[in-house]
Amino acid sequence: MSQKAIELISKIALPAGIAFAVAQSSMYDVPGGKRAIIFDRLKGVEQQVIGEGTHFVIPWLQKAIVFDVRIKPKVITTTTGSKDLQNVSLTLRVLTRPEISKLPIIYQTLGLDYDERVLPAIGNEILKSIVAQFDAAELITQREVVSARIRQELSRRANEFNIELDDVSITHMTFGREFTKAVEQKQIAQQDAERSKYLVEKAEQEKKASIIRAEGEAESAEAVSKALAKAGDGLLMIRRLEASKDIANTLAGSPNVTYLPSNGGGDDGGEGAKNSLLLNLGR
């Protein structure tokens, strides 16, 4: 290749390289789930929010600043005191995202790390304020109410910084050792009280059952006595006949018995017949 050709190529390549570099630096991409704002060296931060896609800027004079506007989880932890002066450790999970139309203001006042600057501070403030309004026992029994109050107050404060909250929930709550021990002792005492109450009620029921059973037996004995007194010897004779019938049936079914004994014969046959088969049980 001749010297002239080399010089020609170098003259063409240099402007082309510069043009390519300028063109590349004037283009930027905004991925999905993100937004961009423009910082102009002469005008400052422009108030327009750039959507997803490929866009152009003036090289060196303008710079694209890209924000992630997807929902992000944030964990806030704090240790504070309840209304009855019990130590409470809380862990709060917050789902946040920036208000898209306010991205230029967010960048001007807070920067790209807006969530790290704002949420821990206002989160601890709100948690301490709300927890101080409840007793330790109420924090357990009214957990949903406490969570709703925290969400309401935290959302209001976050909106002041153009931050939106999609969800706020208490994920962890622990109390001091003294309170935990007191709760355990209270539960044991309640269980003992319930057990004692059950035993007392059981004893009362058994006592009532014994009284009812005794009254029934007394009424039954009285009824039998009245029946015997009213019937005289007739009822007793019926009982004797029923017993004799049962004995006769038993003896008749036995292979070792060939006749029924009659304790008498001859002239006193009537008396013997009368005393046979245990009819003289009442004598």
Protein backbone atom coordinates (compact mmCIF):
# COMPACT_ATOMS: atom_id res chain seq x y z
CA MET A 1 0.00 0.00 0.00
CA SER A 2 1.35 3.37 -0.96
CA GLN A 3 2.09 6.17 1.45
CA LYS A 4 -0.67 8.27 -0.04
CA ALA A 5 -3.25 5.53 0.56
CA ILE A 6 -2.20 5.21 4.20
CA GLU A 7 -2.48 8.92 4.70
CA LEU A 8 -5.93 8.92 3.10
CA ILE A 9 -7.17 6.13 5.32
CA SER A 10 -5.87 7.82 8.44
CA LYS A 11 -7.56 11.05 7.46
CA ILE A 12 -10.88 9.21 7.02
CA ALA A 13 -10.57 6.89 10.03
CA LEU A 14 -9.89 9.59 12.57
CA PRO A 15 -13.02 11.65 11.86
CA ALA A 16 -15.05 8.45 11.57
CA GLY A 17 -13.82 7.24 14.97
CA ILE A 18 -14.57 10.57 16.54
CA ALA A 19 -18.04 10.60 14.98
CA PHE A 20 -18.73 7.06 16.22
CA ALA A 21 -17.60 7.91 19.75
CA VAL A 22 -19.76 11.02 19.77
CA ALA A 23 -22.76 9.08 18.47
CA GLN A 24 -22.26 6.32 21.08
CA SER A 25 -21.98 8.78 23.93
CA SER A 26 -25.12 10.56 22.80
CA MET A 27 -27.26 7.39 23.19
CA TYR A 28 -28.46 5.69 26.36
CA ASP A 29 -30.91 2.93 27.23
CA VAL A 30 -33.59 2.84 29.95
CA PRO A 31 -34.29 -0.85 30.82
CA GLY A 32 -37.67 -2.18 31.85
CA GLY A 33 -38.77 -1.22 35.35
CA LYS A 34 -36.61 1.91 35.34
CA ARG A 35 -36.97 5.59 34.54
CA ALA A 36 -34.44 8.30 33.74
CA ILE A 37 -34.03 12.02 34.27
CA ILE A 38 -31.60 14.38 32.53
CA PHE A 39 -28.99 16.51 34.24
CA ASP A 40 -28.01 19.46 32.09
CA ARG A 41 -24.77 21.27 32.94
CA LEU A 42 -26.36 24.59 32.02
CA LYS A 43 -29.96 24.15 33.18
CA GLY A 44 -29.56 21.68 36.03
CA VAL A 45 -31.99 18.79 36.56
CA GLU A 46 -34.73 18.76 33.96
CA GLN A 47 -38.26 18.03 35.25
CA GLN A 48 -39.10 15.57 32.48
CA VAL A 49 -39.10 11.85 33.31
CA ILE A 50 -37.83 9.59 30.52
CA GLY A 51 -39.53 6.23 29.97
CA GLU A 52 -38.13 2.87 28.86
CA GLY A 53 -36.23 2.56 25.58
CA THR A 54 -33.29 4.17 23.76
CA HIS A 55 -32.88 7.94 23.96
CA PHE A 56 -30.40 10.67 22.99
CA VAL A 57 -28.54 13.33 24.97
CA ILE A 58 -26.05 16.03 24.10
CA PRO A 59 -22.62 14.57 24.88
CA TRP A 60 -20.76 16.17 27.77
CA LEU A 61 -23.49 18.77 28.24
CA GLN A 62 -26.20 16.32 29.38
CA LYS A 63 -26.14 13.14 31.48
CA ALA A 64 -28.86 10.54 31.99
CA ILE A 65 -29.57 9.43 35.59
CA VAL A 66 -31.47 6.15 35.78
CA PHE A 67 -33.81 5.25 38.70
CA ASP A 68 -35.12 1.80 39.59
CA VAL A 69 -38.87 2.30 40.09
CA ARG A 70 -39.76 -1.31 40.89
CA ILE A 71 -41.03 -2.30 44.32
CA LYS A 72 -38.15 -2.94 46.73
CA PRO A 73 -38.30 -4.53 50.19
CA LYS A 74 -36.84 -2.67 53.14
CA VAL A 75 -36.36 -4.03 56.66
CA ILE A 76 -36.48 -1.65 59.62
CA THR A 77 -35.55 -2.81 63.13
CA THR A 78 -35.79 -0.94 66.40
CA THR A 79 -35.88 -1.48 70.17
CA THR A 80 -38.20 0.72 72.16
CA GLY A 81 -40.45 0.80 75.22
CA SER A 82 -44.15 0.05 75.52
CA LYS A 83 -46.71 2.04 77.50
CA ASP A 84 -46.07 -0.12 80.60
CA LEU A 85 -42.29 0.35 80.21
CA GLN A 86 -41.53 -3.07 78.76
CA ASN A 87 -38.65 -3.44 76.29
CA VAL A 88 -39.90 -4.38 72.82
CA SER A 89 -37.80 -5.33 69.77
CA LEU A 90 -39.62 -4.90 66.46
CA THR A 91 -38.77 -5.82 62.88
CA LEU A 92 -40.79 -4.10 60.18
CA ARG A 93 -40.88 -5.09 56.50
CA VAL A 94 -41.74 -2.31 54.09
CA LEU A 95 -42.30 -2.51 50.31
CA THR A 96 -41.45 0.84 48.74
CA ARG A 97 -41.08 2.56 45.39
CA PRO A 98 -40.52 6.18 44.35
CA GLU A 99 -43.28 8.36 43.00
CA ILE A 100 -42.35 8.42 39.30
CA SER A 101 -43.54 11.94 38.53
CA LYS A 102 -41.42 13.25 41.42
CA LEU A 103 -38.11 11.64 40.41
CA PRO A 104 -36.42 14.98 39.58
CA ILE A 105 -37.32 16.36 43.04
CA ILE A 106 -36.20 13.11 44.72
CA TYR A 107 -32.84 13.35 42.97
CA GLN A 108 -32.41 17.01 43.84
CA THR A 109 -33.27 16.55 47.54
CA LEU A 110 -32.25 12.98 48.38
CA GLY A 111 -30.25 11.39 45.56
CA LEU A 112 -30.35 7.88 44.16
CA ASP A 113 -30.13 6.30 47.65
CA TYR A 114 -33.30 8.07 48.78
CA ASP A 115 -34.68 4.99 50.57
CA GLU A 116 -31.56 4.54 52.70
CA ARG A 117 -31.64 8.19 53.69
CA VAL A 118 -35.32 8.38 54.63
CA LEU A 119 -36.92 5.07 55.60
CA PRO A 120 -34.71 4.05 58.58
CA ALA A 121 -35.11 7.49 60.16
CA ILE A 122 -38.87 7.89 59.81
CA GLY A 123 -39.42 4.15 60.43
CA ASN A 124 -37.74 4.26 63.83
CA GLU A 125 -39.58 7.45 64.70
CA ILE A 126 -43.00 6.00 63.85
CA LEU A 127 -42.32 2.68 65.57
CA LYS A 128 -41.28 4.32 68.82
CA SER A 129 -44.27 6.65 68.72
CA ILE A 130 -46.90 3.96 68.04
CA VAL A 131 -45.50 1.28 70.38
CA ALA A 132 -45.44 3.77 73.27
CA GLN A 133 -49.25 4.02 73.00
CA PHE A 134 -49.86 0.31 73.78
CA ASP A 135 -49.16 -1.99 76.70
CA ALA A 136 -47.03 -5.07 76.06
CA ALA A 137 -50.08 -7.34 76.29
CA GLU A 138 -51.99 -5.13 73.83
CA LEU A 139 -49.11 -5.35 71.35
CA ILE A 140 -49.69 -9.11 71.30
CA THR A 141 -53.49 -9.24 71.30
CA GLN A 142 -53.98 -6.22 69.00
CA ARG A 143 -51.15 -6.85 66.57
CA GLU A 144 -53.25 -6.08 63.49
CA VAL A 145 -54.36 -2.76 64.97
CA VAL A 146 -50.77 -1.82 65.77
CA SER A 147 -49.63 -2.78 62.27
CA ALA A 148 -52.42 -0.71 60.68
CA ARG A 149 -51.50 2.33 62.79
CA ILE A 150 -47.84 2.00 61.83
CA ARG A 151 -48.71 1.68 58.15
CA GLN A 152 -50.96 4.73 58.24
CA GLU A 153 -48.41 6.97 59.95
CA LEU A 154 -45.44 5.66 57.97
CA SER A 155 -47.26 6.15 54.65
CA ARG A 156 -48.12 9.71 55.59
CA ARG A 157 -44.54 10.55 56.47
CA ALA A 158 -43.10 8.77 53.41
CA ASN A 159 -45.41 10.73 51.11
CA GLU A 160 -43.76 13.89 52.36
CA PHE A 161 -40.56 12.60 50.69
CA ASN A 162 -42.39 11.40 47.53
CA ILE A 163 -42.01 7.74 48.49
CA GLU A 164 -44.93 5.33 48.11
CA LEU A 165 -45.47 2.33 50.42
CA ASP A 166 -47.23 -0.74 49.03
CA ASP A 167 -47.12 -2.88 52.17
CA VAL A 168 -46.11 -2.54 55.82
CA SER A 169 -46.13 -5.49 58.22
CA ILE A 170 -44.60 -6.52 61.53
CA THR A 171 -42.52 -9.65 60.93
CA HIS A 172 -40.89 -10.04 64.33
CA MET A 173 -41.72 -8.91 67.86
CA THR A 174 -39.92 -9.92 71.05
CA PHE A 175 -40.09 -8.69 74.62
CA GLY A 176 -37.68 -8.45 77.52
CA ARG A 177 -36.78 -11.49 79.62
CA GLU A 178 -38.76 -10.28 82.64
CA PHE A 179 -41.98 -9.83 80.67
CA THR A 180 -41.60 -13.18 78.92
CA LYS A 181 -41.12 -14.92 82.26
CA ALA A 182 -44.14 -13.12 83.72
CA VAL A 183 -46.30 -14.23 80.76
CA GLU A 184 -45.20 -17.85 81.21
CA GLN A 185 -46.01 -17.74 84.94
CA LYS A 186 -49.41 -16.20 84.21
CA GLN A 187 -50.21 -18.97 81.72
CA ILE A 188 -49.21 -21.63 84.25
CA ALA A 189 -51.39 -19.97 86.91
CA GLN A 190 -54.34 -19.85 84.51
CA GLN A 191 -53.92 -23.53 83.67
CA ASP A 192 -53.79 -24.44 87.37
CA ALA A 193 -56.90 -22.36 88.02
CA GLU A 194 -58.77 -24.06 85.18
CA ARG A 195 -57.71 -27.47 86.48
CA SER A 196 -58.88 -26.63 90.02
CA LYS A 197 -62.17 -25.31 88.67
CA TYR A 198 -62.68 -28.56 86.75
CA LEU A 199 -62.00 -30.66 89.84
CA VAL A 200 -64.46 -28.63 91.93
CA GLU A 201 -67.17 -28.94 89.29
CA LYS A 202 -66.52 -32.68 89.00
CA ALA A 203 -66.84 -33.11 92.79
CA GLU A 204 -70.10 -31.14 92.79
CA GLN A 205 -71.52 -33.28 90.00
CA GLU A 206 -70.53 -36.48 91.80
CA LYS A 207 -72.13 -35.16 95.00
CA LYS A 208 -75.36 -34.36 93.15
CA ALA A 209 -75.34 -37.81 91.54
CA SER A 210 -74.89 -39.49 94.95
CA ILE A 211 -77.77 -37.50 96.41
CA ILE A 212 -80.04 -38.35 93.49
CA ARG A 213 -79.05 -42.03 93.68
CA ALA A 214 -79.71 -42.15 97.45
CA GLU A 215 -83.07 -40.44 97.04
CA GLY A 216 -84.00 -42.92 94.31
CA GLU A 217 -83.05 -45.91 96.45
CA ALA A 218 -85.01 -44.51 99.42
CA GLU A 219 -88.08 -43.92 97.26
CA SER A 220 -87.75 -47.42 95.82
CA ALA A 221 -87.50 -49.00 99.28
CA GLU A 222 -90.45 -46.97 100.49
CA ALA A 223 -92.51 -48.01 97.49
CA VAL A 224 -91.68 -51.70 98.07
CA SER A 225 -92.52 -51.40 101.75
CA LYS A 226 -95.87 -49.78 100.99
CA ALA A 227 -96.62 -52.45 98.39
CA LEU A 228 -95.80 -55.25 100.85
CA ALA A 229 -97.87 -53.67 103.58
CA LYS A 230 -100.81 -53.22 101.24
CA ALA A 231 -100.64 -56.63 99.61
CA GLY A 232 -99.98 -58.60 102.80
CA ASP A 233 -99.09 -62.31 102.36
CA GLY A 234 -100.43 -62.36 98.80
CA LEU A 235 -97.40 -60.56 97.29
CA LEU A 236 -95.04 -62.76 99.28
CA MET A 237 -96.78 -65.91 98.00
CA ILE A 238 -96.46 -64.68 94.41
CA ARG A 239 -92.71 -64.20 94.91
CA ARG A 240 -92.50 -67.78 96.35
CA LEU A 241 -94.34 -69.22 93.38
CA GLU A 242 -92.08 -67.40 90.93
CA ALA A 243 -88.99 -68.71 92.77
CA SER A 244 -90.38 -72.26 92.80
CA LYS A 245 -91.07 -72.08 89.09
CA ASP A 246 -87.51 -71.04 88.36
CA ILE A 247 -86.11 -73.83 90.57
CA ALA A 248 -88.39 -76.43 88.94
CA ASN A 249 -87.30 -75.38 85.47
CA THR A 250 -83.64 -75.62 86.51
CA LEU A 251 -84.05 -79.09 88.06
CA ALA A 252 -86.07 -80.35 85.13
CA GLY A 253 -83.30 -79.46 82.75
CA SER A 254 -80.63 -81.25 84.78
CA PRO A 255 -79.82 -84.84 83.62
CA ASN A 256 -79.05 -85.96 87.21
CA VAL A 257 -82.54 -85.28 88.61
CA THR A 258 -85.29 -87.87 87.90
CA TYR A 259 -88.00 -86.54 90.26
CA LEU A 260 -88.84 -83.53 92.26
CA PRO A 261 -88.57 -83.93 96.08
CA SER A 262 -91.62 -83.12 98.18
CA ASN A 263 -90.51 -83.23 101.90
CA GLY A 264 -93.62 -85.14 102.88
CA GLY A 265 -96.04 -87.91 102.00
CA GLY A 266 -98.89 -90.12 103.26
CA ASP A 267 -101.35 -88.35 105.48
CA ASP A 268 -99.49 -85.03 105.56
CA GLY A 269 -99.21 -84.92 101.77
CA GLY A 270 -100.98 -81.58 101.67
CA GLU A 271 -98.50 -80.07 104.10
CA GLY A 272 -95.58 -81.63 102.21
CA ALA A 273 -96.85 -80.27 98.92
CA LYS A 274 -97.18 -76.91 100.50
CA ASN A 275 -93.53 -76.95 101.69
CA SER A 276 -92.09 -78.41 98.50
CA LEU A 277 -89.97 -76.48 96.00
CA LEU A 278 -88.87 -73.93 98.59
CA LEU A 279 -92.41 -72.60 99.12
CA ASN A 280 -91.65 -72.45 102.82
CA LEU A 281 -88.90 -69.84 102.38
CA GLY A 282 -90.79 -67.30 104.42
CA ARG A 283 -91.26 -69.61 107.42
